[in-house]
Amino acid sequence: MQFLFRRATNTLWEPLNRLEEFLEDETQPKNSAIIKGEVYIEGDVEIGEGSVIEHGAVIIGPVILGKNCHVRAGAYIRGNVIAGDGCVIGHSTEVIRSILLDDVRVDHFNYVGDSILGNGVHFGAGAKVANLRFDEKEIVVQGVSTGRVKFGGVFGDRCHLGLNVSVGPGVIFEKGTWYAGPGPLKSGLYNRDTIPRF
């Protein structure tokens, strides 16, 4: 995964632009996981040692899951996903075209699309990241063109979204930023000092 970030010099979202190509080249289909019950796995999927996949999970490759991950019952991993070591993808959580670094927790009823989540990011139950504008126009972040119609956000290390929080497409959270609501956030750059308080 270092390759994706080492060459990303211009924008924070650049690794997403190379994700599909990286997965095509690097995914080594293997399953070292503990499978609990009926699980549906399709395509090239690499699952690290010590990971647990619960009954009812669906994983559609290409996907790379690191070591000691936990994919809970009803999780849906829809392809072009990399999750580092120790990640939890929980019940009724959907992840697509995204990069999750180590120890990310998207535990319950979350949606993560076209996003990058740094080490130790945590989404509370029901937190969602929109990745598409209603008008389906290109997503622009603070006047900078992303070149993408679908782009959720980039969340630095140890960011948190609270219970049922929604954020719009094109959000960037600096490391350690927490947001508990009350309303959705528009595209933009946020940190501890600029995040709205309730």
N, C-alpha and C. Protein backbone atom coordinates (compact mmCIF):
# COMPACT_ATOMS: atom_id res chain seq x y z
N MET A 1 0.83 -1.20 0.00
CA MET A 1 0.00 0.00 0.00
C MET A 1 0.87 1.26 0.00
N GLN A 2 2.09 1.16 0.49
CA GLN A 2 2.99 2.31 0.50
C GLN A 2 3.12 2.92 -0.90
N PHE A 3 3.13 2.06 -1.92
CA PHE A 3 3.27 2.50 -3.31
C PHE A 3 2.20 3.53 -3.67
N LEU A 4 0.98 3.31 -3.23
CA LEU A 4 -0.11 4.21 -3.57
C LEU A 4 0.14 5.61 -3.03
N PHE A 5 0.74 5.70 -1.85
CA PHE A 5 0.93 7.00 -1.22
C PHE A 5 2.28 7.62 -1.55
N ARG A 6 3.27 6.81 -1.75
CA ARG A 6 4.61 7.33 -2.04
C ARG A 6 4.61 8.16 -3.32
N ARG A 7 3.85 7.74 -4.30
CA ARG A 7 3.83 8.45 -5.58
C ARG A 7 2.75 9.52 -5.64
N ALA A 8 1.94 9.64 -4.63
CA ALA A 8 0.88 10.65 -4.64
C ALA A 8 1.46 11.97 -4.15
N THR A 9 1.78 12.85 -5.07
CA THR A 9 2.45 14.08 -4.69
C THR A 9 1.59 15.32 -4.88
N ASN A 10 0.58 15.25 -5.72
CA ASN A 10 -0.17 16.45 -6.05
C ASN A 10 -1.42 16.65 -5.20
N THR A 11 -2.19 15.61 -5.00
CA THR A 11 -3.45 15.75 -4.27
C THR A 11 -3.63 14.61 -3.30
N LEU A 12 -4.44 14.85 -2.29
CA LEU A 12 -4.72 13.82 -1.29
C LEU A 12 -5.50 12.65 -1.88
N TRP A 13 -6.30 12.90 -2.90
CA TRP A 13 -7.16 11.86 -3.46
C TRP A 13 -6.49 11.08 -4.59
N GLU A 14 -5.27 11.45 -4.96
CA GLU A 14 -4.58 10.78 -6.06
C GLU A 14 -4.48 9.25 -5.89
N PRO A 15 -4.26 8.72 -4.68
CA PRO A 15 -4.22 7.25 -4.56
C PRO A 15 -5.51 6.57 -5.02
N LEU A 16 -6.65 7.24 -4.89
CA LEU A 16 -7.90 6.64 -5.36
C LEU A 16 -7.88 6.47 -6.88
N ASN A 17 -7.21 7.39 -7.57
CA ASN A 17 -7.14 7.30 -9.03
C ASN A 17 -6.33 6.11 -9.49
N ARG A 18 -5.42 5.61 -8.65
CA ARG A 18 -4.57 4.48 -9.02
C ARG A 18 -4.98 3.18 -8.32
N LEU A 19 -6.05 3.22 -7.54
CA LEU A 19 -6.44 2.07 -6.72
C LEU A 19 -6.76 0.83 -7.56
N GLU A 20 -7.57 0.98 -8.58
CA GLU A 20 -7.97 -0.18 -9.39
C GLU A 20 -6.76 -0.84 -10.04
N GLU A 21 -5.87 -0.03 -10.62
CA GLU A 21 -4.67 -0.56 -11.26
C GLU A 21 -3.78 -1.27 -10.24
N PHE A 22 -3.62 -0.67 -9.07
CA PHE A 22 -2.81 -1.27 -8.02
C PHE A 22 -3.36 -2.63 -7.62
N LEU A 23 -4.68 -2.71 -7.41
CA LEU A 23 -5.29 -3.97 -7.00
C LEU A 23 -5.16 -5.04 -8.08
N GLU A 24 -5.30 -4.65 -9.34
CA GLU A 24 -5.14 -5.62 -10.43
C GLU A 24 -3.74 -6.23 -10.41
N ASP A 25 -2.74 -5.40 -10.11
CA ASP A 25 -1.34 -5.87 -10.11
C ASP A 25 -0.95 -6.60 -8.83
N GLU A 26 -1.50 -6.21 -7.70
CA GLU A 26 -0.98 -6.65 -6.41
C GLU A 26 -1.81 -7.70 -5.68
N THR A 27 -3.09 -7.85 -6.01
CA THR A 27 -3.92 -8.80 -5.28
C THR A 27 -3.46 -10.23 -5.54
N GLN A 28 -3.15 -10.94 -4.48
CA GLN A 28 -2.74 -12.35 -4.54
C GLN A 28 -3.88 -13.15 -3.90
N PRO A 29 -4.83 -13.64 -4.70
CA PRO A 29 -5.99 -14.31 -4.11
C PRO A 29 -5.58 -15.40 -3.12
N LYS A 30 -5.96 -15.21 -1.87
CA LYS A 30 -5.74 -16.21 -0.83
C LYS A 30 -6.67 -15.88 0.31
N ASN A 31 -6.97 -16.89 1.07
CA ASN A 31 -7.88 -16.72 2.19
C ASN A 31 -7.26 -17.36 3.41
N SER A 32 -6.73 -16.53 4.28
CA SER A 32 -6.17 -17.02 5.54
C SER A 32 -7.11 -16.72 6.69
N ALA A 33 -8.36 -16.38 6.38
CA ALA A 33 -9.31 -15.94 7.39
C ALA A 33 -10.01 -17.10 8.08
N ILE A 34 -10.58 -16.78 9.21
CA ILE A 34 -11.50 -17.68 9.91
C ILE A 34 -12.89 -17.33 9.38
N ILE A 35 -13.52 -18.27 8.71
CA ILE A 35 -14.84 -18.05 8.12
C ILE A 35 -15.88 -18.64 9.07
N LYS A 36 -16.84 -17.81 9.48
CA LYS A 36 -17.89 -18.25 10.39
C LYS A 36 -19.22 -18.28 9.65
N GLY A 37 -19.63 -19.46 9.21
CA GLY A 37 -20.90 -19.60 8.52
C GLY A 37 -20.78 -19.38 7.03
N GLU A 38 -21.90 -19.01 6.40
CA GLU A 38 -21.96 -18.81 4.95
C GLU A 38 -21.50 -17.40 4.60
N VAL A 39 -20.50 -17.32 3.74
CA VAL A 39 -19.93 -16.06 3.28
C VAL A 39 -19.86 -16.12 1.77
N TYR A 40 -20.14 -14.99 1.08
CA TYR A 40 -20.04 -14.95 -0.37
C TYR A 40 -18.80 -14.16 -0.76
N ILE A 41 -17.89 -14.81 -1.47
CA ILE A 41 -16.66 -14.17 -1.94
C ILE A 41 -16.56 -14.39 -3.44
N GLU A 42 -16.35 -13.30 -4.20
CA GLU A 42 -16.27 -13.37 -5.66
C GLU A 42 -15.07 -12.55 -6.14
N GLY A 43 -14.36 -13.05 -7.13
CA GLY A 43 -13.25 -12.30 -7.71
C GLY A 43 -11.97 -12.47 -6.91
N ASP A 44 -11.00 -11.62 -7.20
CA ASP A 44 -9.70 -11.69 -6.54
C ASP A 44 -9.77 -11.03 -5.17
N VAL A 45 -9.66 -11.86 -4.14
CA VAL A 45 -9.76 -11.39 -2.76
C VAL A 45 -8.60 -11.97 -1.97
N GLU A 46 -7.85 -11.10 -1.32
CA GLU A 46 -6.73 -11.51 -0.47
C GLU A 46 -7.09 -11.13 0.97
N ILE A 47 -7.12 -12.15 1.84
CA ILE A 47 -7.51 -11.92 3.24
C ILE A 47 -6.36 -12.35 4.13
N GLY A 48 -5.92 -11.44 4.99
CA GLY A 48 -4.77 -11.68 5.83
C GLY A 48 -5.03 -12.63 6.99
N GLU A 49 -3.95 -13.17 7.49
CA GLU A 49 -3.97 -14.12 8.60
C GLU A 49 -4.63 -13.50 9.84
N GLY A 50 -5.43 -14.32 10.51
CA GLY A 50 -6.08 -13.90 11.75
C GLY A 50 -7.35 -13.11 11.55
N SER A 51 -7.72 -12.82 10.31
CA SER A 51 -8.96 -12.08 10.05
C SER A 51 -10.16 -13.00 10.21
N VAL A 52 -11.28 -12.43 10.61
CA VAL A 52 -12.52 -13.17 10.83
C VAL A 52 -13.59 -12.60 9.90
N ILE A 53 -14.24 -13.48 9.15
CA ILE A 53 -15.34 -13.08 8.27
C ILE A 53 -16.59 -13.78 8.78
N GLU A 54 -17.58 -13.00 9.21
CA GLU A 54 -18.79 -13.56 9.80
C GLU A 54 -19.83 -13.94 8.75
N HIS A 55 -20.76 -14.76 9.18
CA HIS A 55 -21.88 -15.24 8.37
C HIS A 55 -22.61 -14.06 7.70
N GLY A 56 -22.89 -14.22 6.42
CA GLY A 56 -23.68 -13.22 5.70
C GLY A 56 -22.88 -12.08 5.10
N ALA A 57 -21.57 -12.07 5.29
CA ALA A 57 -20.75 -11.03 4.67
C ALA A 57 -20.62 -11.31 3.17
N VAL A 58 -20.52 -10.23 2.39
CA VAL A 58 -20.32 -10.33 0.95
C VAL A 58 -19.06 -9.54 0.60
N ILE A 59 -18.13 -10.20 -0.10
CA ILE A 59 -16.89 -9.54 -0.51
C ILE A 59 -16.71 -9.78 -2.00
N ILE A 60 -16.70 -8.70 -2.78
CA ILE A 60 -16.52 -8.79 -4.22
C ILE A 60 -15.21 -8.09 -4.58
N GLY A 61 -14.30 -8.85 -5.17
CA GLY A 61 -12.98 -8.33 -5.48
C GLY A 61 -12.96 -7.43 -6.69
N PRO A 62 -11.81 -6.78 -6.87
CA PRO A 62 -10.59 -7.02 -6.12
C PRO A 62 -10.61 -6.33 -4.76
N VAL A 63 -10.13 -7.08 -3.77
CA VAL A 63 -10.09 -6.60 -2.39
C VAL A 63 -8.84 -7.17 -1.72
N ILE A 64 -8.18 -6.34 -0.93
CA ILE A 64 -7.11 -6.80 -0.05
C ILE A 64 -7.50 -6.41 1.37
N LEU A 65 -7.63 -7.41 2.24
CA LEU A 65 -7.87 -7.18 3.67
C LEU A 65 -6.61 -7.59 4.41
N GLY A 66 -6.16 -6.75 5.32
CA GLY A 66 -4.95 -7.04 6.08
C GLY A 66 -5.14 -8.10 7.13
N LYS A 67 -4.17 -8.22 8.01
CA LYS A 67 -4.22 -9.19 9.10
C LYS A 67 -5.15 -8.71 10.20
N ASN A 68 -5.76 -9.69 10.88
CA ASN A 68 -6.57 -9.43 12.08
C ASN A 68 -7.71 -8.44 11.85
N CYS A 69 -8.29 -8.47 10.66
CA CYS A 69 -9.48 -7.67 10.38
C CYS A 69 -10.72 -8.45 10.83
N HIS A 70 -11.81 -7.75 11.00
CA HIS A 70 -13.07 -8.39 11.38
C HIS A 70 -14.16 -7.83 10.45
N VAL A 71 -14.68 -8.70 9.59
CA VAL A 71 -15.78 -8.33 8.70
C VAL A 71 -17.02 -8.98 9.29
N ARG A 72 -17.92 -8.16 9.80
CA ARG A 72 -19.06 -8.67 10.56
C ARG A 72 -20.24 -9.05 9.66
N ALA A 73 -21.19 -9.72 10.26
CA ALA A 73 -22.38 -10.22 9.56
C ALA A 73 -23.06 -9.08 8.81
N GLY A 74 -23.37 -9.34 7.55
CA GLY A 74 -24.11 -8.36 6.75
C GLY A 74 -23.26 -7.27 6.13
N ALA A 75 -21.95 -7.31 6.31
CA ALA A 75 -21.08 -6.31 5.68
C ALA A 75 -21.03 -6.56 4.18
N TYR A 76 -20.85 -5.49 3.41
CA TYR A 76 -20.80 -5.58 1.95
C TYR A 76 -19.59 -4.80 1.46
N ILE A 77 -18.58 -5.53 1.00
CA ILE A 77 -17.37 -4.92 0.46
C ILE A 77 -17.46 -5.10 -1.05
N ARG A 78 -17.66 -3.98 -1.78
CA ARG A 78 -18.08 -4.03 -3.18
C ARG A 78 -16.97 -3.92 -4.20
N GLY A 79 -15.75 -4.05 -3.85
CA GLY A 79 -14.69 -4.05 -4.85
C GLY A 79 -13.83 -2.81 -4.83
N ASN A 80 -12.58 -3.00 -5.29
CA ASN A 80 -11.59 -1.94 -5.28
C ASN A 80 -11.44 -1.34 -3.89
N VAL A 81 -11.18 -2.24 -2.93
CA VAL A 81 -11.02 -1.85 -1.53
C VAL A 81 -9.73 -2.44 -1.00
N ILE A 82 -9.00 -1.61 -0.26
CA ILE A 82 -7.86 -2.08 0.52
C ILE A 82 -8.15 -1.70 1.96
N ALA A 83 -8.03 -2.66 2.86
CA ALA A 83 -8.15 -2.39 4.30
C ALA A 83 -6.88 -2.90 4.96
N GLY A 84 -6.25 -2.05 5.74
CA GLY A 84 -5.02 -2.43 6.43
C GLY A 84 -5.29 -3.39 7.57
N ASP A 85 -4.29 -3.61 8.40
CA ASP A 85 -4.40 -4.53 9.52
C ASP A 85 -5.35 -3.99 10.60
N GLY A 86 -6.08 -4.91 11.24
CA GLY A 86 -6.89 -4.57 12.40
C GLY A 86 -8.14 -3.77 12.12
N CYS A 87 -8.62 -3.75 10.89
CA CYS A 87 -9.83 -2.99 10.56
C CYS A 87 -11.09 -3.77 10.93
N VAL A 88 -12.14 -3.04 11.28
CA VAL A 88 -13.46 -3.63 11.52
C VAL A 88 -14.43 -3.02 10.51
N ILE A 89 -15.04 -3.88 9.70
CA ILE A 89 -16.09 -3.47 8.77
C ILE A 89 -17.34 -4.17 9.27
N GLY A 90 -18.25 -3.39 9.83
CA GLY A 90 -19.31 -3.96 10.64
C GLY A 90 -20.61 -4.27 9.93
N HIS A 91 -21.57 -4.66 10.74
CA HIS A 91 -22.90 -5.06 10.30
C HIS A 91 -23.54 -3.96 9.46
N SER A 92 -24.05 -4.33 8.30
CA SER A 92 -24.75 -3.42 7.38
C SER A 92 -23.89 -2.25 6.95
N THR A 93 -22.59 -2.43 6.93
CA THR A 93 -21.67 -1.41 6.44
C THR A 93 -21.28 -1.76 5.01
N GLU A 94 -21.26 -0.74 4.14
CA GLU A 94 -20.86 -0.93 2.75
C GLU A 94 -19.61 -0.10 2.48
N VAL A 95 -18.63 -0.74 1.85
CA VAL A 95 -17.38 -0.06 1.47
C VAL A 95 -17.11 -0.35 0.00
N ILE A 96 -16.82 0.70 -0.78
CA ILE A 96 -16.52 0.54 -2.20
C ILE A 96 -15.46 1.55 -2.62
N ARG A 97 -14.53 1.12 -3.48
CA ARG A 97 -13.49 1.98 -4.05
C ARG A 97 -12.83 2.87 -3.00
N SER A 98 -12.35 2.25 -1.93
CA SER A 98 -11.79 3.02 -0.82
C SER A 98 -10.54 2.38 -0.25
N ILE A 99 -9.78 3.19 0.46
CA ILE A 99 -8.56 2.75 1.14
C ILE A 99 -8.74 3.02 2.62
N LEU A 100 -8.64 1.96 3.42
CA LEU A 100 -8.70 2.08 4.88
C LEU A 100 -7.33 1.68 5.41
N LEU A 101 -6.68 2.57 6.11
CA LEU A 101 -5.38 2.24 6.69
C LEU A 101 -5.60 1.37 7.93
N ASP A 102 -4.60 1.19 8.76
CA ASP A 102 -4.70 0.27 9.89
C ASP A 102 -5.68 0.75 10.96
N ASP A 103 -6.33 -0.23 11.60
CA ASP A 103 -7.18 -0.01 12.78
C ASP A 103 -8.36 0.93 12.55
N VAL A 104 -8.88 0.94 11.34
CA VAL A 104 -10.09 1.71 11.04
C VAL A 104 -11.30 0.93 11.53
N ARG A 105 -12.28 1.65 12.11
CA ARG A 105 -13.51 1.02 12.59
C ARG A 105 -14.71 1.71 11.95
N VAL A 106 -15.36 0.98 11.07
CA VAL A 106 -16.65 1.39 10.52
C VAL A 106 -17.61 0.26 10.92
N ASP A 107 -18.07 0.36 12.15
CA ASP A 107 -18.68 -0.77 12.87
C ASP A 107 -20.13 -1.09 12.53
N HIS A 108 -20.97 -0.07 12.32
CA HIS A 108 -22.41 -0.34 12.24
C HIS A 108 -23.08 0.62 11.26
N PHE A 109 -23.71 0.08 10.24
CA PHE A 109 -24.59 0.85 9.36
C PHE A 109 -23.88 2.05 8.71
N ASN A 110 -22.64 1.87 8.30
CA ASN A 110 -21.88 2.96 7.68
C ASN A 110 -21.82 2.79 6.17
N TYR A 111 -21.58 3.92 5.47
CA TYR A 111 -21.30 3.88 4.04
C TYR A 111 -20.00 4.63 3.80
N VAL A 112 -19.05 3.95 3.13
CA VAL A 112 -17.76 4.55 2.79
C VAL A 112 -17.52 4.28 1.31
N GLY A 113 -17.57 5.32 0.49
CA GLY A 113 -17.34 5.18 -0.94
C GLY A 113 -16.33 6.19 -1.44
N ASP A 114 -15.38 5.73 -2.25
CA ASP A 114 -14.42 6.61 -2.91
C ASP A 114 -13.72 7.52 -1.89
N SER A 115 -13.22 6.90 -0.83
CA SER A 115 -12.65 7.65 0.29
C SER A 115 -11.36 7.02 0.78
N ILE A 116 -10.60 7.81 1.53
CA ILE A 116 -9.39 7.33 2.20
C ILE A 116 -9.55 7.62 3.68
N LEU A 117 -9.42 6.57 4.51
CA LEU A 117 -9.53 6.70 5.96
C LEU A 117 -8.18 6.37 6.57
N GLY A 118 -7.63 7.32 7.31
CA GLY A 118 -6.31 7.15 7.92
C GLY A 118 -6.32 6.19 9.09
N ASN A 119 -5.15 5.96 9.66
CA ASN A 119 -5.00 5.04 10.79
C ASN A 119 -5.90 5.46 11.95
N GLY A 120 -6.60 4.47 12.51
CA GLY A 120 -7.40 4.71 13.70
C GLY A 120 -8.65 5.54 13.51
N VAL A 121 -9.10 5.73 12.28
CA VAL A 121 -10.35 6.47 12.04
C VAL A 121 -11.51 5.64 12.57
N HIS A 122 -12.51 6.31 13.15
CA HIS A 122 -13.69 5.62 13.69
C HIS A 122 -14.95 6.37 13.26
N PHE A 123 -15.89 5.63 12.68
CA PHE A 123 -17.20 6.18 12.35
C PHE A 123 -18.21 5.59 13.32
N GLY A 124 -18.99 6.46 13.99
CA GLY A 124 -20.05 6.00 14.86
C GLY A 124 -21.16 5.35 14.05
N ALA A 125 -22.06 4.67 14.75
CA ALA A 125 -23.15 3.96 14.09
C ALA A 125 -23.93 4.91 13.18
N GLY A 126 -24.15 4.48 11.94
CA GLY A 126 -24.95 5.24 11.00
C GLY A 126 -24.23 6.38 10.30
N ALA A 127 -22.96 6.61 10.59
CA ALA A 127 -22.22 7.69 9.92
C ALA A 127 -21.99 7.32 8.46
N LYS A 128 -22.16 8.30 7.59
CA LYS A 128 -22.06 8.04 6.15
C LYS A 128 -21.30 9.16 5.45
N VAL A 129 -20.57 8.78 4.39
CA VAL A 129 -19.84 9.73 3.56
C VAL A 129 -20.45 9.69 2.17
N ALA A 130 -21.12 10.78 1.76
CA ALA A 130 -21.66 10.84 0.40
C ALA A 130 -20.51 10.95 -0.59
N ASN A 131 -20.66 10.32 -1.74
CA ASN A 131 -19.58 10.35 -2.73
C ASN A 131 -20.03 10.84 -4.10
N LEU A 132 -21.23 11.35 -4.20
CA LEU A 132 -21.78 11.78 -5.49
C LEU A 132 -22.71 12.96 -5.27
N ARG A 133 -22.50 14.03 -6.05
CA ARG A 133 -23.40 15.18 -5.98
C ARG A 133 -24.75 14.82 -6.62
N PHE A 134 -25.81 15.49 -6.21
CA PHE A 134 -27.12 15.25 -6.81
C PHE A 134 -27.10 15.51 -8.31
N ASP A 135 -26.38 16.56 -8.73
CA ASP A 135 -26.33 16.90 -10.15
C ASP A 135 -25.27 16.11 -10.92
N GLU A 136 -24.55 15.23 -10.24
CA GLU A 136 -23.52 14.36 -10.81
C GLU A 136 -22.41 15.13 -11.52
N LYS A 137 -22.15 16.36 -11.06
CA LYS A 137 -21.04 17.14 -11.59
C LYS A 137 -19.76 16.78 -10.85
N GLU A 138 -18.63 17.18 -11.44
CA GLU A 138 -17.33 16.92 -10.82
C GLU A 138 -17.27 17.55 -9.42
N ILE A 139 -16.61 16.86 -8.53
CA ILE A 139 -16.47 17.34 -7.15
C ILE A 139 -15.25 18.24 -7.07
N VAL A 140 -15.47 19.43 -6.51
CA VAL A 140 -14.43 20.44 -6.35
C VAL A 140 -14.25 20.68 -4.86
N VAL A 141 -12.99 20.70 -4.39
CA VAL A 141 -12.70 20.93 -2.98
C VAL A 141 -11.96 22.25 -2.85
N GLN A 142 -12.60 23.22 -2.23
CA GLN A 142 -12.03 24.56 -2.03
C GLN A 142 -11.40 25.11 -3.31
N GLY A 143 -12.16 25.02 -4.39
CA GLY A 143 -11.73 25.57 -5.66
C GLY A 143 -10.77 24.68 -6.45
N VAL A 144 -10.41 23.53 -5.91
CA VAL A 144 -9.48 22.62 -6.58
C VAL A 144 -10.28 21.48 -7.22
N SER A 145 -10.10 21.32 -8.52
CA SER A 145 -10.78 20.25 -9.25
C SER A 145 -10.22 18.90 -8.84
N THR A 146 -11.10 17.94 -8.55
CA THR A 146 -10.64 16.59 -8.22
C THR A 146 -10.52 15.72 -9.46
N GLY A 147 -11.20 16.13 -10.55
CA GLY A 147 -11.23 15.28 -11.74
C GLY A 147 -12.10 14.06 -11.54
N ARG A 148 -12.89 14.06 -10.48
CA ARG A 148 -13.71 12.89 -10.13
C ARG A 148 -15.17 13.30 -9.96
N VAL A 149 -16.06 12.49 -10.50
CA VAL A 149 -17.49 12.68 -10.25
C VAL A 149 -17.86 12.01 -8.93
N LYS A 150 -17.14 10.95 -8.58
CA LYS A 150 -17.37 10.27 -7.30
C LYS A 150 -16.13 10.43 -6.42
N PHE A 151 -16.32 11.10 -5.30
CA PHE A 151 -15.25 11.28 -4.32
C PHE A 151 -15.90 11.59 -2.98
N GLY A 152 -15.68 10.71 -2.01
CA GLY A 152 -16.23 10.92 -0.68
C GLY A 152 -15.39 11.90 0.11
N GLY A 153 -14.25 11.40 0.62
CA GLY A 153 -13.40 12.29 1.40
C GLY A 153 -12.11 11.63 1.79
N VAL A 154 -11.28 12.42 2.46
CA VAL A 154 -10.03 11.95 3.03
C VAL A 154 -10.07 12.32 4.50
N PHE A 155 -9.86 11.31 5.35
CA PHE A 155 -9.92 11.50 6.80
C PHE A 155 -8.55 11.15 7.36
N GLY A 156 -7.87 12.14 7.95
CA GLY A 156 -6.55 11.90 8.52
C GLY A 156 -6.61 10.95 9.70
N ASP A 157 -5.45 10.55 10.18
CA ASP A 157 -5.37 9.62 11.31
C ASP A 157 -6.21 10.10 12.49
N ARG A 158 -6.87 9.14 13.13
CA ARG A 158 -7.62 9.33 14.37
C ARG A 158 -8.79 10.32 14.26
N CYS A 159 -9.36 10.46 13.07
CA CYS A 159 -10.58 11.26 12.92
C CYS A 159 -11.78 10.43 13.37
N HIS A 160 -12.82 11.13 13.81
CA HIS A 160 -14.03 10.45 14.27
C HIS A 160 -15.26 11.15 13.70
N LEU A 161 -16.23 10.37 13.26
CA LEU A 161 -17.56 10.87 12.94
C LEU A 161 -18.52 10.29 13.97
N GLY A 162 -19.42 11.12 14.48
CA GLY A 162 -20.34 10.68 15.51
C GLY A 162 -21.53 9.91 14.96
N LEU A 163 -22.39 9.53 15.86
CA LEU A 163 -23.59 8.76 15.59
C LEU A 163 -24.46 9.44 14.53
N ASN A 164 -24.78 8.72 13.45
CA ASN A 164 -25.68 9.17 12.39
C ASN A 164 -25.24 10.45 11.68
N VAL A 165 -23.98 10.80 11.74
CA VAL A 165 -23.48 11.98 11.04
C VAL A 165 -23.32 11.67 9.56
N SER A 166 -23.70 12.63 8.73
CA SER A 166 -23.48 12.51 7.28
C SER A 166 -22.59 13.66 6.83
N VAL A 167 -21.67 13.35 5.94
CA VAL A 167 -20.84 14.40 5.35
C VAL A 167 -20.96 14.32 3.84
N GLY A 168 -20.95 15.48 3.20
CA GLY A 168 -21.11 15.54 1.76
C GLY A 168 -19.86 15.12 1.03
N PRO A 169 -19.95 14.97 -0.28
CA PRO A 169 -18.78 14.59 -1.07
C PRO A 169 -17.72 15.69 -1.02
N GLY A 170 -16.45 15.25 -1.04
CA GLY A 170 -15.35 16.21 -1.10
C GLY A 170 -14.96 16.82 0.22
N VAL A 171 -15.09 16.06 1.32
CA VAL A 171 -14.64 16.58 2.61
C VAL A 171 -13.23 16.08 2.90
N ILE A 172 -12.45 16.94 3.53
CA ILE A 172 -11.11 16.56 3.96
C ILE A 172 -10.98 16.93 5.42
N PHE A 173 -10.70 15.93 6.26
CA PHE A 173 -10.51 16.13 7.69
C PHE A 173 -9.03 15.99 8.01
N GLU A 174 -8.46 17.02 8.62
CA GLU A 174 -7.08 16.90 9.08
C GLU A 174 -7.05 15.92 10.25
N LYS A 175 -5.88 15.35 10.52
CA LYS A 175 -5.78 14.32 11.55
C LYS A 175 -6.30 14.82 12.89
N GLY A 176 -6.96 13.89 13.59
CA GLY A 176 -7.48 14.17 14.92
C GLY A 176 -8.76 14.98 14.96
N THR A 177 -9.40 15.21 13.82
CA THR A 177 -10.64 16.00 13.79
C THR A 177 -11.83 15.11 14.12
N TRP A 178 -12.68 15.60 15.02
CA TRP A 178 -13.90 14.88 15.41
C TRP A 178 -15.09 15.72 14.99
N TYR A 179 -16.13 15.06 14.49
CA TYR A 179 -17.37 15.77 14.15
C TYR A 179 -18.55 14.95 14.65
N ALA A 180 -19.37 15.58 15.49
CA ALA A 180 -20.52 14.90 16.08
C ALA A 180 -21.85 15.41 15.54
N GLY A 181 -21.83 16.30 14.59
CA GLY A 181 -23.07 16.81 14.02
C GLY A 181 -23.31 18.24 14.46
N PRO A 182 -24.50 18.76 14.26
CA PRO A 182 -25.74 18.05 14.02
C PRO A 182 -26.05 17.79 12.55
N GLY A 183 -25.55 18.59 11.64
CA GLY A 183 -25.98 18.46 10.25
C GLY A 183 -24.87 17.99 9.34
N PRO A 184 -25.22 17.78 8.08
CA PRO A 184 -24.20 17.35 7.12
C PRO A 184 -23.20 18.47 6.84
N LEU A 185 -21.97 18.09 6.54
CA LEU A 185 -20.93 19.05 6.17
C LEU A 185 -20.80 19.10 4.66
N LYS A 186 -20.57 20.29 4.13
CA LYS A 186 -20.33 20.46 2.69
C LYS A 186 -18.86 20.17 2.39
N SER A 187 -18.55 20.08 1.10
CA SER A 187 -17.18 19.91 0.64
C SER A 187 -16.29 20.98 1.26
N GLY A 188 -15.10 20.58 1.69
CA GLY A 188 -14.17 21.54 2.26
C GLY A 188 -13.13 20.88 3.13
N LEU A 189 -12.22 21.70 3.66
CA LEU A 189 -11.15 21.25 4.53
C LEU A 189 -11.53 21.60 5.96
N TYR A 190 -11.46 20.60 6.85
CA TYR A 190 -11.86 20.80 8.24
C TYR A 190 -10.75 20.34 9.17
N ASN A 191 -10.64 21.05 10.31
CA ASN A 191 -9.74 20.62 11.37
C ASN A 191 -10.40 20.92 12.70
N ARG A 192 -9.71 20.69 13.80
CA ARG A 192 -10.32 20.88 15.12
C ARG A 192 -10.81 22.30 15.34
N ASP A 193 -10.17 23.28 14.72
CA ASP A 193 -10.54 24.67 14.93
C ASP A 193 -11.68 25.13 14.03
N THR A 194 -11.85 24.50 12.86
CA THR A 194 -12.86 24.96 11.91
C THR A 194 -14.11 24.11 11.90
N ILE A 195 -14.09 22.99 12.58
CA ILE A 195 -15.25 22.09 12.55
C ILE A 195 -16.41 22.73 13.33
N PRO A 196 -17.62 22.71 12.80
CA PRO A 196 -18.76 23.27 13.54
C PRO A 196 -19.00 22.52 14.85
N ARG A 197 -19.34 23.24 15.88
CA ARG A 197 -19.66 22.66 17.19
C ARG A 197 -21.16 22.75 17.41
N PHE A 198 -21.68 21.80 18.19
CA PHE A 198 -23.11 21.89 18.50
C PHE A 198 -23.29 22.21 19.96
